Amino acid sequence: MKEHESKYPVTKMSKSLCVSKSGYYAWKNRPRSRRANERHILVRKIIDIQKRHRWQYGERRITHELNKTWRSISRNRVIRILSEEGLGVHRKKRFIATTNSRHSGPFSANLLDRKFSVAKPDFVWVTDITYCRCRDRFLYLCVFIDLYSRSIVGWALGETLETALVNRAFTMALNNRRPNRGLMIHSDRGIQYCSDAFRARLVENHCIQSMSRKGNCWDNAVAESFFKTLKNEHLNIVTYNSIQHMKIGLFGYLDGYYNRVRAHSALSYMTPLEYESKGA
């Protein structure tokens, strides 16, 4: 009745619904209960969190942020609110192959061997390539990720899957971080990473190369997980019409949001840069 009060007379609705008019007004003017008021505040706080994080936080991160900034809330209660209020995340799934490992180039051994926890920054970087839809075509994104903090240390966007794309991303990472000798670079067996041009860059910068085993995506799980996050939280939501437009958008997400704002579950819900600054 309250929802339709501006459209229909209360007297008419009361008769149709067999509700007394005085009873309706008594209910309407009754103060909200403590629990209802608390629920209202909780919903508003969840909405604020989702707005800050582009409506892409799941119940784990929302629960952690509420416990950190407001008060202790159970994960089950957050799940219930997300479901009842329609504040959850809706995912899209797409798949396009970006790895061509059917080539005669030399392969490196899997030196990383799924040891995804490292003790210091710029000790191991993982790298991979994914596709990005731009209007009626695909562009390709290469990233380098520091295993210590999961920070995106270098990236490049291009129109082809040529080795030059990987070398541009690697150059950005080198300029941003200035790593010491002995840095390990782990990738899949894609032809770009096996090329003479990329191997020469690794030798030039005193890096060690490691590669996943044949057809085993779990050997590069950190990069795969990052691309899933990137697509769920950004690429499947935003529409781009040009490569320049996409570069600006990716810069905002990767450098402005992912590295600096987004809580990472593998880092005790700190951001990558926060984790590095604390030397956790």
Protein backbone atom coordinates (compact mmCIF):
# COMPACT_ATOMS: atom_id res chain seq x y z
CA MET A 1 0.00 0.00 0.00
CA LYS A 2 2.78 2.38 0.87
CA GLU A 3 4.41 1.79 -2.51
CA HIS A 4 1.20 2.67 -4.38
CA GLU A 5 -0.09 5.39 -2.09
CA SER A 6 0.73 8.12 -4.60
CA LYS A 7 -1.38 6.39 -7.28
CA TYR A 8 -4.44 5.09 -5.42
CA PRO A 9 -6.54 6.36 -2.49
CA VAL A 10 -5.71 4.70 0.83
CA THR A 11 -9.41 4.16 1.56
CA LYS A 12 -9.89 2.23 -1.66
CA MET A 13 -6.80 0.10 -1.13
CA SER A 14 -7.83 -0.63 2.47
CA LYS A 15 -11.19 -1.97 1.35
CA SER A 16 -9.69 -4.03 -1.47
CA LEU A 17 -7.06 -5.60 0.79
CA CYS A 18 -9.30 -5.92 3.87
CA VAL A 19 -6.95 -3.75 5.94
CA SER A 20 -8.17 -1.10 8.33
CA LYS A 21 -7.20 2.43 7.44
CA SER A 22 -6.15 3.23 11.01
CA GLY A 23 -4.07 0.05 11.18
CA TYR A 24 -2.24 1.01 7.98
CA TYR A 25 -1.36 4.49 9.28
CA ALA A 26 -0.27 3.03 12.64
CA TRP A 27 2.09 0.67 10.80
CA LYS A 28 3.33 3.42 8.50
CA ASN A 29 4.19 5.80 11.34
CA ARG A 30 5.73 3.17 13.58
CA PRO A 31 9.48 3.72 14.14
CA ARG A 32 11.77 1.26 12.35
CA SER A 33 13.02 -1.52 14.65
CA ARG A 34 16.66 -1.67 15.73
CA ARG A 35 17.29 -4.73 13.56
CA ALA A 36 15.56 -3.17 10.53
CA ASN A 37 17.58 0.01 11.00
CA GLU A 38 20.81 -1.99 11.25
CA ARG A 39 19.91 -3.91 8.09
CA HIS A 40 19.25 -0.64 6.26
CA ILE A 41 22.69 0.67 7.30
CA LEU A 42 24.33 -2.60 6.24
CA VAL A 43 22.70 -2.48 2.79
CA ARG A 44 23.89 1.12 2.30
CA LYS A 45 27.44 0.18 3.30
CA ILE A 46 27.45 -2.77 0.87
CA ILE A 47 26.20 -0.49 -1.91
CA ASP A 48 28.97 2.02 -1.10
CA ILE A 49 31.58 -0.77 -1.26
CA GLN A 50 30.25 -2.02 -4.59
CA LYS A 51 30.26 1.49 -6.04
CA ARG A 52 33.90 1.99 -5.04
CA HIS A 53 34.85 -1.35 -6.55
CA ARG A 54 32.83 -1.15 -9.78
CA TRP A 55 30.14 -3.60 -8.53
CA GLN A 56 32.62 -6.47 -8.77
CA TYR A 57 33.36 -7.43 -5.14
CA GLY A 58 32.15 -10.85 -4.00
CA GLU A 59 30.98 -11.78 -0.52
CA ARG A 60 34.48 -12.56 0.80
CA ARG A 61 35.95 -9.13 0.02
CA ILE A 62 32.79 -7.31 1.08
CA THR A 63 32.78 -9.18 4.42
CA HIS A 64 36.45 -8.40 4.98
CA GLU A 65 35.97 -4.68 4.24
CA LEU A 66 32.91 -4.45 6.52
CA ASN A 67 34.81 -6.14 9.34
CA LYS A 68 37.75 -3.81 8.76
CA THR A 69 35.92 -0.49 8.44
CA TRP A 70 32.59 -0.97 10.30
CA ARG A 71 32.06 -3.95 12.59
CA SER A 72 32.06 -7.75 12.65
CA ILE A 73 29.58 -9.23 10.16
CA SER A 74 29.29 -12.92 9.23
CA ARG A 75 29.89 -13.96 5.63
CA ASN A 76 26.54 -15.81 5.57
CA ARG A 77 24.70 -12.59 6.42
CA VAL A 78 26.48 -10.74 3.63
CA ILE A 79 25.59 -13.54 1.19
CA ARG A 80 21.93 -13.28 2.24
CA ILE A 81 21.87 -9.49 1.77
CA LEU A 82 23.55 -9.74 -1.64
CA SER A 83 20.94 -12.27 -2.76
CA GLU A 84 17.88 -10.49 -1.33
CA GLU A 85 18.91 -7.03 -2.58
CA GLY A 86 20.34 -8.11 -5.93
CA LEU A 87 23.75 -6.61 -5.15
CA GLY A 88 25.90 -9.53 -6.29
CA VAL A 89 28.11 -9.98 -9.34
CA HIS A 90 26.99 -11.44 -12.67
CA ARG A 91 29.71 -13.11 -14.71
CA LYS A 92 30.15 -13.66 -18.45
CA LYS A 93 32.30 -16.41 -19.93
CA ARG A 94 34.23 -16.20 -23.21
CA PHE A 95 37.25 -18.04 -24.55
CA ILE A 96 39.63 -17.30 -27.40
CA ALA A 97 43.00 -19.02 -27.73
CA THR A 98 46.02 -16.72 -27.59
CA THR A 99 48.73 -19.37 -27.11
CA ASN A 100 50.33 -21.19 -30.02
CA SER A 101 52.67 -23.82 -28.61
CA ARG A 102 52.73 -25.91 -31.79
CA HIS A 103 56.04 -24.65 -33.09
CA SER A 104 59.63 -25.82 -33.38
CA GLY A 105 61.10 -23.19 -31.06
CA PRO A 106 63.12 -24.32 -28.01
CA PHE A 107 61.29 -24.72 -24.69
CA SER A 108 62.63 -23.91 -21.24
CA ALA A 109 62.20 -26.13 -18.18
CA ASN A 110 59.47 -25.47 -15.61
CA LEU A 111 61.79 -23.99 -12.97
CA LEU A 112 58.98 -22.25 -11.10
CA ASP A 113 57.18 -25.57 -10.56
CA ARG A 114 54.05 -23.88 -9.13
CA LYS A 115 55.93 -22.22 -6.26
CA PHE A 116 53.70 -19.16 -6.37
CA SER A 117 54.72 -17.75 -2.97
CA VAL A 118 58.05 -15.89 -3.04
CA ALA A 119 59.87 -14.04 -0.28
CA LYS A 120 60.74 -10.75 -1.97
CA PRO A 121 59.67 -8.49 -4.84
CA ASP A 122 61.21 -8.76 -8.32
CA PHE A 123 62.32 -12.33 -7.71
CA VAL A 124 59.80 -13.97 -10.08
CA TRP A 125 57.59 -12.36 -12.71
CA VAL A 126 54.89 -14.33 -14.52
CA THR A 127 53.57 -13.25 -17.89
CA ASP A 128 50.79 -14.15 -20.30
CA ILE A 129 48.65 -12.79 -23.15
CA THR A 130 44.87 -12.49 -23.44
CA TYR A 131 42.38 -11.04 -25.90
CA CYS A 132 40.31 -7.87 -25.44
CA ARG A 133 37.22 -7.16 -27.53
CA CYS A 134 37.24 -3.72 -29.15
CA ARG A 135 34.09 -2.93 -31.12
CA ASP A 136 34.05 -5.56 -33.92
CA ARG A 137 37.61 -6.91 -33.53
CA PHE A 138 40.05 -8.24 -30.94
CA LEU A 139 43.11 -6.61 -29.43
CA TYR A 140 45.71 -8.43 -27.35
CA LEU A 141 47.04 -7.61 -23.89
CA CYS A 142 50.34 -8.85 -22.46
CA VAL A 143 51.07 -8.39 -18.75
CA PHE A 144 53.97 -9.05 -16.39
CA ILE A 145 53.03 -9.75 -12.76
CA ASP A 146 55.32 -9.74 -9.73
CA LEU A 147 54.62 -12.98 -7.85
CA TYR A 148 55.52 -11.43 -4.49
CA SER A 149 52.82 -8.74 -4.46
CA ARG A 150 50.72 -9.73 -7.51
CA SER A 151 51.38 -6.19 -8.78
CA ILE A 152 51.09 -5.53 -12.53
CA VAL A 153 54.61 -4.31 -13.26
CA GLY A 154 54.33 -4.00 -17.03
CA TRP A 155 51.75 -4.33 -19.79
CA ALA A 156 51.21 -3.64 -23.48
CA LEU A 157 48.18 -3.61 -25.78
CA GLY A 158 48.46 -4.43 -29.48
CA GLU A 159 46.60 -5.48 -32.60
CA THR A 160 48.65 -8.65 -33.20
CA LEU A 161 50.17 -11.48 -31.20
CA GLU A 162 53.70 -10.81 -32.43
CA THR A 163 56.74 -10.94 -30.12
CA ALA A 164 56.95 -7.13 -30.21
CA LEU A 165 53.88 -7.04 -27.92
CA VAL A 166 55.68 -9.08 -25.25
CA ASN A 167 58.86 -7.04 -25.61
CA ARG A 168 56.97 -3.76 -25.09
CA ALA A 169 55.35 -5.07 -21.91
CA PHE A 170 58.72 -6.39 -20.70
CA THR A 171 60.36 -3.03 -21.37
CA MET A 172 57.72 -1.24 -19.29
CA ALA A 173 58.26 -3.70 -16.44
CA LEU A 174 62.04 -3.22 -16.54
CA ASN A 175 61.70 0.56 -16.53
CA ASN A 176 59.21 0.48 -13.66
CA ARG A 177 61.12 -1.92 -11.40
CA ARG A 178 64.84 -2.02 -12.33
CA PRO A 179 65.27 -5.64 -11.11
CA ASN A 180 68.56 -7.21 -10.08
CA ARG A 181 70.28 -10.04 -11.93
CA GLY A 182 68.70 -13.46 -11.66
CA LEU A 183 65.06 -12.44 -12.05
CA MET A 184 62.98 -15.44 -13.16
CA ILE A 185 60.45 -14.91 -15.97
CA HIS A 186 57.78 -17.62 -16.15
CA SER A 187 55.35 -18.03 -19.07
CA ASP A 188 53.51 -20.61 -21.10
CA ARG A 189 55.05 -22.18 -24.23
CA GLY A 190 53.69 -19.57 -26.62
CA ILE A 191 55.77 -18.84 -29.69
CA GLN A 192 56.33 -15.26 -28.55
CA TYR A 193 58.14 -16.40 -25.39
CA CYS A 194 60.22 -18.94 -27.31
CA SER A 195 61.30 -16.45 -29.97
CA ASP A 196 64.94 -15.45 -30.42
CA ALA A 197 63.99 -11.79 -29.94
CA PHE A 198 62.46 -12.32 -26.50
CA ARG A 199 65.15 -14.75 -25.36
CA ALA A 200 67.76 -12.18 -26.34
CA ARG A 201 66.05 -9.60 -24.11
CA LEU A 202 66.18 -12.04 -21.20
CA VAL A 203 69.89 -12.70 -21.71
CA GLU A 204 70.57 -8.98 -22.07
CA ASN A 205 68.89 -8.31 -18.71
CA HIS A 206 70.39 -11.33 -16.93
CA CYS A 207 67.02 -13.07 -16.46
CA ILE A 208 66.27 -16.78 -16.04
CA GLN A 209 63.51 -18.29 -18.19
CA SER A 210 60.92 -20.79 -16.93
CA MET A 211 58.00 -22.26 -18.88
CA SER A 212 54.86 -24.21 -18.07
CA ARG A 213 54.65 -27.83 -19.05
CA LYS A 214 52.89 -28.68 -22.29
CA GLY A 215 49.15 -27.98 -22.14
CA ASN A 216 49.17 -27.30 -18.39
CA CYS A 217 47.49 -23.98 -17.58
CA TRP A 218 47.84 -24.58 -13.81
CA ASP A 219 51.59 -24.03 -14.10
CA ASN A 220 50.83 -20.37 -14.82
CA ALA A 221 47.79 -20.12 -12.54
CA VAL A 222 48.52 -16.63 -11.18
CA ALA A 223 48.45 -15.06 -14.63
CA GLU A 224 45.36 -17.07 -15.60
CA SER A 225 43.60 -15.96 -12.41
CA PHE A 226 44.47 -12.33 -13.05
CA PHE A 227 42.99 -12.42 -16.55
CA LYS A 228 39.79 -13.94 -15.18
CA THR A 229 39.57 -11.06 -12.70
CA LEU A 230 40.32 -8.46 -15.38
CA LYS A 231 37.58 -9.76 -17.65
CA ASN A 232 34.98 -10.16 -14.91
CA GLU A 233 35.63 -6.77 -13.37
CA HIS A 234 36.41 -4.67 -16.43
CA LEU A 235 36.65 -6.02 -19.98
CA ASN A 236 33.26 -7.75 -19.98
CA ILE A 237 31.58 -4.61 -18.63
CA VAL A 238 33.13 -1.68 -20.49
CA THR A 239 32.73 -1.23 -24.26
CA TYR A 240 35.66 0.24 -26.18
CA ASN A 241 35.60 1.69 -29.69
CA SER A 242 39.31 2.27 -30.34
CA ILE A 243 42.71 1.06 -29.20
CA GLN A 244 43.48 4.46 -27.67
CA HIS A 245 40.23 4.41 -25.71
CA MET A 246 41.07 0.92 -24.43
CA LYS A 247 44.62 1.92 -23.45
CA ILE A 248 43.25 4.74 -21.30
CA GLY A 249 40.69 2.42 -19.70
CA LEU A 250 43.25 -0.30 -19.01
CA PHE A 251 45.63 2.21 -17.48
CA GLY A 252 42.86 3.32 -15.12
CA TYR A 253 42.06 -0.26 -14.12
CA LEU A 254 45.57 -1.75 -13.93
CA ASP A 255 47.55 1.14 -12.48
CA GLY A 256 44.83 3.18 -10.83
CA TYR A 257 42.56 0.47 -9.40
CA TYR A 258 44.07 -3.05 -9.39
CA ASN A 259 47.50 -2.13 -8.02
CA ARG A 260 46.34 0.58 -5.62
CA VAL A 261 42.73 0.03 -4.52
CA ARG A 262 41.56 -3.56 -4.99
CA ALA A 263 41.99 -5.86 -1.98
CA HIS A 264 43.72 -9.13 -2.92
CA SER A 265 42.73 -12.33 -1.11
CA ALA A 266 46.22 -13.84 -1.49
CA LEU A 267 47.72 -10.77 0.24
CA SER A 268 45.58 -10.90 3.40
CA TYR A 269 43.19 -8.48 1.67
CA MET A 270 45.79 -5.78 1.13
CA THR A 271 46.36 -4.09 -2.22
CA PRO A 272 49.55 -5.05 -4.12
CA LEU A 273 51.24 -1.71 -3.44
CA GLU A 274 50.13 -1.74 0.20
CA TYR A 275 51.61 -5.23 0.58
CA GLU A 276 54.93 -4.12 -0.91
CA SER A 277 55.09 -0.97 1.22
CA LYS A 278 54.59 -2.99 4.41
CA GLY A 279 57.11 -5.62 3.38
CA ALA A 280 54.58 -8.24 4.46
